[in-house]
Amino acid sequence: MKDRTSKEYLMRKWQEYSFAAYEARLYLDTHPESKYALNYFNKFNRMSLAVAKELQEKYGAVNTNLDTELHDWSWVNMPWPWNKEV
């Protein structure tokens, strides 16, 4: 097994956690009321951000596009771009 602080190990964990958070985000797009999915998203998002921080401290900049912890998935209730007045 690789050293748990090696760049390869950390990159793999970051990819796994980011993927899980992204998939939960997609699920939340169609099931915004699911508290289980929201908790799942927050868990893996936190884990991904923690690993990204460790990678950045040890090996340089990491580009993340994940959110901070969320309490609801309400953005789907906002007007879509084509519904806004210009």
PDB file of N, CA and C in Angstrom:
ATOM      1  N   MET A   1       0.839  -1.186   0.000  1.00  0.00           N
ATOM      2  CA  MET A   1       0.000   0.000   0.000  1.00  0.00           C
ATOM      3  C   MET A   1       0.884   1.249   0.000  1.00  0.00           C
ATOM      4  N   LYS A   2       0.434   2.233  -0.716  1.00  0.00           N
ATOM      5  CA  LYS A   2       1.167   3.498  -0.795  1.00  0.00           C
ATOM      6  C   LYS A   2       1.105   4.229   0.532  1.00  0.00           C
ATOM      7  N   ASP A   3       2.135   5.039   0.748  1.00  0.00           N
ATOM      8  CA  ASP A   3       2.157   5.918   1.913  1.00  0.00           C
ATOM      9  C   ASP A   3       0.957   6.855   1.848  1.00  0.00           C
ATOM     10  N   ARG A   4       0.231   6.984   2.956  1.00  0.00           N
ATOM     11  CA  ARG A   4      -0.999   7.782   2.986  1.00  0.00           C
ATOM     12  C   ARG A   4      -0.759   9.278   2.804  1.00  0.00           C
ATOM     13  N   THR A   5       0.471   9.691   2.758  1.00  0.00           N
ATOM     14  CA  THR A   5       0.760  11.106   2.519  1.00  0.00           C
ATOM     15  C   THR A   5       1.402  11.321   1.156  1.00  0.00           C
ATOM     16  N   SER A   6       1.554  10.272   0.379  1.00  0.00           N
ATOM     17  CA  SER A   6       2.180  10.430  -0.932  1.00  0.00           C
ATOM     18  C   SER A   6       1.247  11.201  -1.866  1.00  0.00           C
ATOM     19  N   LYS A   7       1.834  11.840  -2.832  1.00  0.00           N
ATOM     20  CA  LYS A   7       1.060  12.631  -3.781  1.00  0.00           C
ATOM     21  C   LYS A   7       0.072  11.739  -4.539  1.00  0.00           C
ATOM     22  N   GLU A   8       0.514  10.578  -4.962  1.00  0.00           N
ATOM     23  CA  GLU A   8      -0.352   9.663  -5.709  1.00  0.00           C
ATOM     24  C   GLU A   8      -1.567   9.242  -4.870  1.00  0.00           C
ATOM     25  N   TYR A   9      -1.332   8.899  -3.622  1.00  0.00           N
ATOM     26  CA  TYR A   9      -2.420   8.477  -2.730  1.00  0.00           C
ATOM     27  C   TYR A   9      -3.411   9.623  -2.512  1.00  0.00           C
ATOM     28  N   LEU A  10      -2.885  10.807  -2.219  1.00  0.00           N
ATOM     29  CA  LEU A  10      -3.750  11.956  -1.973  1.00  0.00           C
ATOM     30  C   LEU A  10      -4.548  12.336  -3.223  1.00  0.00           C
ATOM     31  N   MET A  11      -3.923  12.267  -4.388  1.00  0.00           N
ATOM     32  CA  MET A  11      -4.632  12.580  -5.628  1.00  0.00           C
ATOM     33  C   MET A  11      -5.774  11.593  -5.851  1.00  0.00           C
ATOM     34  N   ARG A  12      -5.529  10.316  -5.590  1.00  0.00           N
ATOM     35  CA  ARG A  12      -6.567   9.290  -5.756  1.00  0.00           C
ATOM     36  C   ARG A  12      -7.740   9.558  -4.802  1.00  0.00           C
ATOM     37  N   LYS A  13      -7.434   9.866  -3.553  1.00  0.00           N
ATOM     38  CA  LYS A  13      -8.489  10.150  -2.582  1.00  0.00           C
ATOM     39  C   LYS A  13      -9.279  11.397  -2.982  1.00  0.00           C
ATOM     40  N   TRP A  14      -8.576  12.417  -3.441  1.00  0.00           N
ATOM     41  CA  TRP A  14      -9.241  13.649  -3.867  1.00  0.00           C
ATOM     42  C   TRP A  14     -10.192  13.355  -5.034  1.00  0.00           C
ATOM     43  N   GLN A  15      -9.742  12.548  -5.982  1.00  0.00           N
ATOM     44  CA  GLN A  15     -10.587  12.178  -7.111  1.00  0.00           C
ATOM     45  C   GLN A  15     -11.818  11.396  -6.644  1.00  0.00           C
ATOM     46  N   GLU A  16     -11.621  10.445  -5.746  1.00  0.00           N
ATOM     47  CA  GLU A  16     -12.741   9.641  -5.246  1.00  0.00           C
ATOM     48  C   GLU A  16     -13.767  10.508  -4.519  1.00  0.00           C
ATOM     49  N   TYR A  17     -13.301  11.341  -3.611  1.00  0.00           N
ATOM     50  CA  TYR A  17     -14.207  12.177  -2.833  1.00  0.00           C
ATOM     51  C   TYR A  17     -14.901  13.219  -3.711  1.00  0.00           C
ATOM     52  N   SER A  18     -14.160  13.801  -4.638  1.00  0.00           N
ATOM     53  CA  SER A  18     -14.746  14.797  -5.541  1.00  0.00           C
ATOM     54  C   SER A  18     -15.808  14.163  -6.430  1.00  0.00           C
ATOM     55  N   PHE A  19     -15.534  12.958  -6.910  1.00  0.00           N
ATOM     56  CA  PHE A  19     -16.505  12.252  -7.747  1.00  0.00           C
ATOM     57  C   PHE A  19     -17.789  11.971  -6.970  1.00  0.00           C
ATOM     58  N   ALA A  20     -17.658  11.493  -5.747  1.00  0.00           N
ATOM     59  CA  ALA A  20     -18.833  11.199  -4.926  1.00  0.00           C
ATOM     60  C   ALA A  20     -19.645  12.471  -4.675  1.00  0.00           C
ATOM     61  N   ALA A  21     -18.975  13.582  -4.383  1.00  0.00           N
ATOM     62  CA  ALA A  21     -19.678  14.847  -4.153  1.00  0.00           C
ATOM     63  C   ALA A  21     -20.365  15.327  -5.425  1.00  0.00           C
ATOM     64  N   TYR A  22     -19.697  15.188  -6.557  1.00  0.00           N
ATOM     65  CA  TYR A  22     -20.270  15.625  -7.832  1.00  0.00           C
ATOM     66  C   TYR A  22     -21.511  14.798  -8.181  1.00  0.00           C
ATOM     67  N   GLU A  23     -21.441  13.497  -7.991  1.00  0.00           N
ATOM     68  CA  GLU A  23     -22.589  12.636  -8.269  1.00  0.00           C
ATOM     69  C   GLU A  23     -23.758  12.981  -7.347  1.00  0.00           C
ATOM     70  N   ALA A  24     -23.470  13.259  -6.090  1.00  0.00           N
ATOM     71  CA  ALA A  24     -24.529  13.660  -5.164  1.00  0.00           C
ATOM     72  C   ALA A  24     -25.140  14.985  -5.602  1.00  0.00           C
ATOM     73  N   ARG A  25     -24.307  15.871  -6.107  1.00  0.00           N
ATOM     74  CA  ARG A  25     -24.798  17.160  -6.603  1.00  0.00           C
ATOM     75  C   ARG A  25     -25.768  16.941  -7.759  1.00  0.00           C
ATOM     76  N   LEU A  26     -25.434  16.046  -8.667  1.00  0.00           N
ATOM     77  CA  LEU A  26     -26.327  15.756  -9.787  1.00  0.00           C
ATOM     78  C   LEU A  26     -27.648  15.164  -9.294  1.00  0.00           C
ATOM     79  N   TYR A  27     -27.581  14.287  -8.337  1.00  0.00           N
ATOM     80  CA  TYR A  27     -28.794  13.692  -7.768  1.00  0.00           C
ATOM     81  C   TYR A  27     -29.657  14.763  -7.111  1.00  0.00           C
ATOM     82  N   LEU A  28     -29.018  15.685  -6.415  1.00  0.00           N
ATOM     83  CA  LEU A  28     -29.756  16.749  -5.745  1.00  0.00           C
ATOM     84  C   LEU A  28     -30.469  17.673  -6.729  1.00  0.00           C
ATOM     85  N   ASP A  29     -29.966  17.737  -7.953  1.00  0.00           N
ATOM     86  CA  ASP A  29     -30.641  18.549  -8.962  1.00  0.00           C
ATOM     87  C   ASP A  29     -32.065  18.058  -9.219  1.00  0.00           C
ATOM     88  N   THR A  30     -32.274  16.754  -9.107  1.00  0.00           N
ATOM     89  CA  THR A  30     -33.605  16.198  -9.352  1.00  0.00           C
ATOM     90  C   THR A  30     -34.329  15.799  -8.072  1.00  0.00           C
ATOM     91  N   HIS A  31     -33.608  15.788  -6.953  1.00  0.00           N
ATOM     92  CA  HIS A  31     -34.198  15.428  -5.658  1.00  0.00           C
ATOM     93  C   HIS A  31     -33.748  16.432  -4.585  1.00  0.00           C
ATOM     94  N   PRO A  32     -34.079  17.711  -4.760  1.00  0.00           N
ATOM     95  CA  PRO A  32     -33.558  18.741  -3.850  1.00  0.00           C
ATOM     96  C   PRO A  32     -34.049  18.599  -2.407  1.00  0.00           C
ATOM     97  N   GLU A  33     -35.103  17.840  -2.182  1.00  0.00           N
ATOM     98  CA  GLU A  33     -35.638  17.685  -0.832  1.00  0.00           C
ATOM     99  C   GLU A  33     -34.982  16.557  -0.053  1.00  0.00           C
ATOM    100  N   SER A  34     -34.087  15.798  -0.669  1.00  0.00           N
ATOM    101  CA  SER A  34     -33.476  14.635  -0.029  1.00  0.00           C
ATOM    102  C   SER A  34     -32.417  15.058   0.992  1.00  0.00           C
ATOM    103  N   LYS A  35     -32.751  14.937   2.265  1.00  0.00           N
ATOM    104  CA  LYS A  35     -31.785  15.266   3.327  1.00  0.00           C
ATOM    105  C   LYS A  35     -30.626  14.276   3.338  1.00  0.00           C
ATOM    106  N   TYR A  36     -30.922  13.016   3.025  1.00  0.00           N
ATOM    107  CA  TYR A  36     -29.863  12.007   2.964  1.00  0.00           C
ATOM    108  C   TYR A  36     -28.832  12.390   1.906  1.00  0.00           C
ATOM    109  N   ALA A  37     -29.300  12.767   0.714  1.00  0.00           N
ATOM    110  CA  ALA A  37     -28.383  13.144  -0.366  1.00  0.00           C
ATOM    111  C   ALA A  37     -27.604  14.405  -0.005  1.00  0.00           C
ATOM    112  N   LEU A  38     -28.250  15.344   0.650  1.00  0.00           N
ATOM    113  CA  LEU A  38     -27.573  16.577   1.056  1.00  0.00           C
ATOM    114  C   LEU A  38     -26.477  16.269   2.078  1.00  0.00           C
ATOM    115  N   ASN A  39     -26.774  15.402   3.042  1.00  0.00           N
ATOM    116  CA  ASN A  39     -25.756  15.003   4.016  1.00  0.00           C
ATOM    117  C   ASN A  39     -24.611  14.259   3.350  1.00  0.00           C
ATOM    118  N   TYR A  40     -24.943  13.394   2.405  1.00  0.00           N
ATOM    119  CA  TYR A  40     -23.930  12.643   1.648  1.00  0.00           C
ATOM    120  C   TYR A  40     -23.026  13.622   0.893  1.00  0.00           C
ATOM    121  N   PHE A  41     -23.656  14.589   0.202  1.00  0.00           N
ATOM    122  CA  PHE A  41     -22.889  15.598  -0.523  1.00  0.00           C
ATOM    123  C   PHE A  41     -21.955  16.344   0.420  1.00  0.00           C
ATOM    124  N   ASN A  42     -22.489  16.827   1.540  1.00  0.00           N
ATOM    125  CA  ASN A  42     -21.672  17.592   2.488  1.00  0.00           C
ATOM    126  C   ASN A  42     -20.513  16.766   3.029  1.00  0.00           C
ATOM    127  N   LYS A  43     -20.762  15.503   3.324  1.00  0.00           N
ATOM    128  CA  LYS A  43     -19.700  14.632   3.849  1.00  0.00           C
ATOM    129  C   LYS A  43     -18.552  14.505   2.851  1.00  0.00           C
ATOM    130  N   PHE A  44     -18.865  14.152   1.620  1.00  0.00           N
ATOM    131  CA  PHE A  44     -17.804  13.945   0.642  1.00  0.00           C
ATOM    132  C   PHE A  44     -17.201  15.255   0.160  1.00  0.00           C
ATOM    133  N   ASN A  45     -17.980  16.317   0.168  1.00  0.00           N
ATOM    134  CA  ASN A  45     -17.437  17.624  -0.175  1.00  0.00           C
ATOM    135  C   ASN A  45     -16.405  18.065   0.865  1.00  0.00           C
ATOM    136  N   ARG A  46     -16.723  17.885   2.162  1.00  0.00           N
ATOM    137  CA  ARG A  46     -15.770  18.218   3.226  1.00  0.00           C
ATOM    138  C   ARG A  46     -14.493  17.390   3.092  1.00  0.00           C
ATOM    139  N   MET A  47     -14.654  16.096   2.835  1.00  0.00           N
ATOM    140  CA  MET A  47     -13.495  15.224   2.706  1.00  0.00           C
ATOM    141  C   MET A  47     -12.635  15.635   1.507  1.00  0.00           C
ATOM    142  N   SER A  48     -13.282  15.973   0.407  1.00  0.00           N
ATOM    143  CA  SER A  48     -12.559  16.406  -0.788  1.00  0.00           C
ATOM    144  C   SER A  48     -11.789  17.695  -0.535  1.00  0.00           C
ATOM    145  N   LEU A  49     -12.439  18.653   0.117  1.00  0.00           N
ATOM    146  CA  LEU A  49     -11.775  19.925   0.403  1.00  0.00           C
ATOM    147  C   LEU A  49     -10.600  19.741   1.363  1.00  0.00           C
ATOM    148  N   ALA A  50     -10.724  18.826   2.329  1.00  0.00           N
ATOM    149  CA  ALA A  50      -9.631  18.569   3.269  1.00  0.00           C
ATOM    150  C   ALA A  50      -8.428  17.973   2.551  1.00  0.00           C
ATOM    151  N   VAL A  51      -8.677  17.030   1.657  1.00  0.00           N
ATOM    152  CA  VAL A  51      -7.571  16.417   0.906  1.00  0.00           C
ATOM    153  C   VAL A  51      -6.974  17.443  -0.051  1.00  0.00           C
ATOM    154  N   ALA A  52      -7.810  18.263  -0.679  1.00  0.00           N
ATOM    155  CA  ALA A  52      -7.302  19.305  -1.581  1.00  0.00           C
ATOM    156  C   ALA A  52      -6.406  20.280  -0.830  1.00  0.00           C
ATOM    157  N   LYS A  53      -6.795  20.619   0.390  1.00  0.00           N
ATOM    158  CA  LYS A  53      -5.982  21.517   1.205  1.00  0.00           C
ATOM    159  C   LYS A  53      -4.625  20.885   1.514  1.00  0.00           C
ATOM    160  N   GLU A  54      -4.644  19.597   1.872  1.00  0.00           N
ATOM    161  CA  GLU A  54      -3.395  18.906   2.161  1.00  0.00           C
ATOM    162  C   GLU A  54      -2.513  18.822   0.908  1.00  0.00           C
ATOM    163  N   LEU A  55      -3.119  18.525  -0.225  1.00  0.00           N
ATOM    164  CA  LEU A  55      -2.363  18.476  -1.486  1.00  0.00           C
ATOM    165  C   LEU A  55      -1.728  19.835  -1.780  1.00  0.00           C
ATOM    166  N   GLN A  56      -2.503  20.886  -1.593  1.00  0.00           N
ATOM    167  CA  GLN A  56      -2.000  22.228  -1.877  1.00  0.00           C
ATOM    168  C   GLN A  56      -0.842  22.597  -0.968  1.00  0.00           C
ATOM    169  N   GLU A  57      -0.953  22.252   0.310  1.00  0.00           N
ATOM    170  CA  GLU A  57       0.119  22.566   1.258  1.00  0.00           C
ATOM    171  C   GLU A  57       1.404  21.816   0.935  1.00  0.00           C
ATOM    172  N   LYS A  58       1.273  20.582   0.466  1.00  0.00           N
ATOM    173  CA  LYS A  58       2.450  19.756   0.222  1.00  0.00           C
ATOM    174  C   LYS A  58       2.995  19.853  -1.196  1.00  0.00           C
ATOM    175  N   TYR A  59       2.091  20.004  -2.196  1.00  0.00           N
ATOM    176  CA  TYR A  59       2.527  19.849  -3.581  1.00  0.00           C
ATOM    177  C   TYR A  59       2.159  20.997  -4.505  1.00  0.00           C
ATOM    178  N   GLY A  60       1.487  22.025  -4.025  1.00  0.00           N
ATOM    179  CA  GLY A  60       1.144  23.160  -4.871  1.00  0.00           C
ATOM    180  C   GLY A  60      -0.357  23.266  -5.116  1.00  0.00           C
ATOM    181  N   ALA A  61      -0.715  24.244  -5.902  1.00  0.00           N
ATOM    182  CA  ALA A  61      -2.119  24.613  -6.120  1.00  0.00           C
ATOM    183  C   ALA A  61      -2.962  23.468  -6.671  1.00  0.00           C
ATOM    184  N   VAL A  62      -4.186  23.411  -6.155  1.00  0.00           N
ATOM    185  CA  VAL A  62      -5.181  22.448  -6.611  1.00  0.00           C
ATOM    186  C   VAL A  62      -6.430  23.234  -6.958  1.00  0.00           C
ATOM    187  N   ASN A  63      -7.011  22.950  -8.099  1.00  0.00           N
ATOM    188  CA  ASN A  63      -8.207  23.655  -8.542  1.00  0.00           C
ATOM    189  C   ASN A  63      -9.444  22.884  -8.091  1.00  0.00           C
ATOM    190  N   THR A  64     -10.240  23.476  -7.219  1.00  0.00           N
ATOM    191  CA  THR A  64     -11.485  22.842  -6.793  1.00  0.00           C
ATOM    192  C   THR A  64     -12.646  23.711  -7.221  1.00  0.00           C
ATOM    193  N   ASN A  65     -13.765  23.082  -7.522  1.00  0.00           N
ATOM    194  CA  ASN A  65     -14.969  23.839  -7.855  1.00  0.00           C
ATOM    195  C   ASN A  65     -16.133  23.387  -6.981  1.00  0.00           C
ATOM    196  N   LEU A  66     -15.822  22.954  -5.778  1.00  0.00           N
ATOM    197  CA  LEU A  66     -16.849  22.480  -4.867  1.00  0.00           C
ATOM    198  C   LEU A  66     -17.305  23.598  -3.944  1.00  0.00           C
ATOM    199  N   ASP A  67     -18.486  23.418  -3.425  1.00  0.00           N
ATOM    200  CA  ASP A  67     -19.092  24.404  -2.539  1.00  0.00           C
ATOM    201  C   ASP A  67     -18.694  24.156  -1.098  1.00  0.00           C
ATOM    202  N   THR A  68     -18.971  25.134  -0.292  1.00  0.00           N
ATOM    203  CA  THR A  68     -18.866  24.916   1.146  1.00  0.00           C
ATOM    204  C   THR A  68     -20.087  24.110   1.570  1.00  0.00           C
ATOM    205  N   GLU A  69     -20.175  23.790   2.839  1.00  0.00           N
ATOM    206  CA  GLU A  69     -21.290  22.973   3.317  1.00  0.00           C
ATOM    207  C   GLU A  69     -22.623  23.662   3.053  1.00  0.00           C
ATOM    208  N   LEU A  70     -23.593  22.881   2.623  1.00  0.00           N
ATOM    209  CA  LEU A  70     -24.906  23.408   2.282  1.00  0.00           C
ATOM    210  C   LEU A  70     -25.952  22.913   3.265  1.00  0.00           C
ATOM    211  N   HIS A  71     -26.987  23.724   3.481  1.00  0.00           N
ATOM    212  CA  HIS A  71     -28.072  23.347   4.376  1.00  0.00           C
ATOM    213  C   HIS A  71     -29.335  22.976   3.609  1.00  0.00           C
ATOM    214  N   ASP A  72     -29.417  23.401   2.370  1.00  0.00           N
ATOM    215  CA  ASP A  72     -30.503  22.976   1.492  1.00  0.00           C
ATOM    216  C   ASP A  72     -30.048  23.110   0.049  1.00  0.00           C
ATOM    217  N   TRP A  73     -30.849  22.609  -0.835  1.00  0.00           N
ATOM    218  CA  TRP A  73     -30.506  22.615  -2.258  1.00  0.00           C
ATOM    219  C   TRP A  73     -31.539  23.468  -2.974  1.00  0.00           C
ATOM    220  N   SER A  74     -31.591  24.741  -2.631  1.00  0.00           N
ATOM    221  CA  SER A  74     -32.674  25.600  -3.093  1.00  0.00           C
ATOM    222  C   SER A  74     -32.391  26.305  -4.412  1.00  0.00           C
ATOM    223  N   TRP A  75     -31.186  26.212  -4.923  1.00  0.00           N
ATOM    224  CA  TRP A  75     -30.904  26.951  -6.156  1.00  0.00           C
ATOM    225  C   TRP A  75     -31.794  26.485  -7.302  1.00  0.00           C
ATOM    226  N   VAL A  76     -32.272  25.252  -7.276  1.00  0.00           N
ATOM    227  CA  VAL A  76     -33.131  24.768  -8.360  1.00  0.00           C
ATOM    228  C   VAL A  76     -34.482  25.467  -8.365  1.00  0.00           C
ATOM    229  N   ASN A  77     -34.823  26.141  -7.285  1.00  0.00           N
ATOM    230  CA  ASN A  77     -36.085  26.865  -7.212  1.00  0.00           C
ATOM    231  C   ASN A  77     -35.973  28.290  -7.745  1.00  0.00           C
ATOM    232  N   MET A  78     -34.779  28.721  -8.054  1.00  0.00           N
ATOM    233  CA  MET A  78     -34.571  30.066  -8.573  1.00  0.00           C
ATOM    234  C   MET A  78     -34.954  30.105 -10.060  1.00  0.00           C
ATOM    235  N   PRO A  79     -35.226  31.280 -10.600  1.00  0.00           N
ATOM    236  CA  PRO A  79     -35.572  31.357 -12.025  1.00  0.00           C
ATOM    237  C   PRO A  79     -34.407  30.879 -12.902  1.00  0.00           C
ATOM    238  N   TRP A  80     -34.727  30.157 -13.944  1.00  0.00           N
ATOM    239  CA  TRP A  80     -33.720  29.710 -14.896  1.00  0.00           C
ATOM    240  C   TRP A  80     -33.345  30.894 -15.782  1.00  0.00           C
ATOM    241  N   PRO A  81     -32.176  30.880 -16.397  1.00  0.00           N
ATOM    242  CA  PRO A  81     -31.746  32.031 -17.195  1.00  0.00           C
ATOM    243  C   PRO A  81     -32.775  32.459 -18.254  1.00  0.00           C
ATOM    244  N   TRP A  82     -33.453  31.515 -18.862  1.00  0.00           N
ATOM    245  CA  TRP A  82     -34.422  31.844 -19.903  1.00  0.00           C
ATOM    246  C   TRP A  82     -35.737  32.365 -19.326  1.00  0.00           C
ATOM    247  N   ASN A  83     -35.900  32.296 -18.013  1.00  0.00           N
ATOM    248  CA  ASN A  83     -37.103  32.819 -17.356  1.00  0.00           C
ATOM    249  C   ASN A  83     -36.908  34.239 -16.834  1.00  0.00           C
ATOM    250  N   LYS A  84     -35.708  34.724 -16.884  1.00  0.00           N
ATOM    251  CA  LYS A  84     -35.421  36.073 -16.381  1.00  0.00           C
ATOM    252  C   LYS A  84     -35.726  37.106 -17.442  1.00  0.00           C
ATOM    253  N   GLU A  85     -36.173  38.267 -16.971  1.00  0.00           N
ATOM    254  CA  GLU A  85     -36.404  39.375 -17.904  1.00  0.00           C
ATOM    255  C   GLU A  85     -35.074  40.010 -18.247  1.00  0.00           C
ATOM    256  N   VAL A  86     -34.952  40.485 -19.477  1.00  0.00           N
ATOM    257  CA  VAL A  86     -33.716  41.140 -19.910  1.00  0.00           C
ATOM    258  C   VAL A  86     -33.826  42.623 -19.889  1.00  0.00           C
TER     259      VAL A  86
END
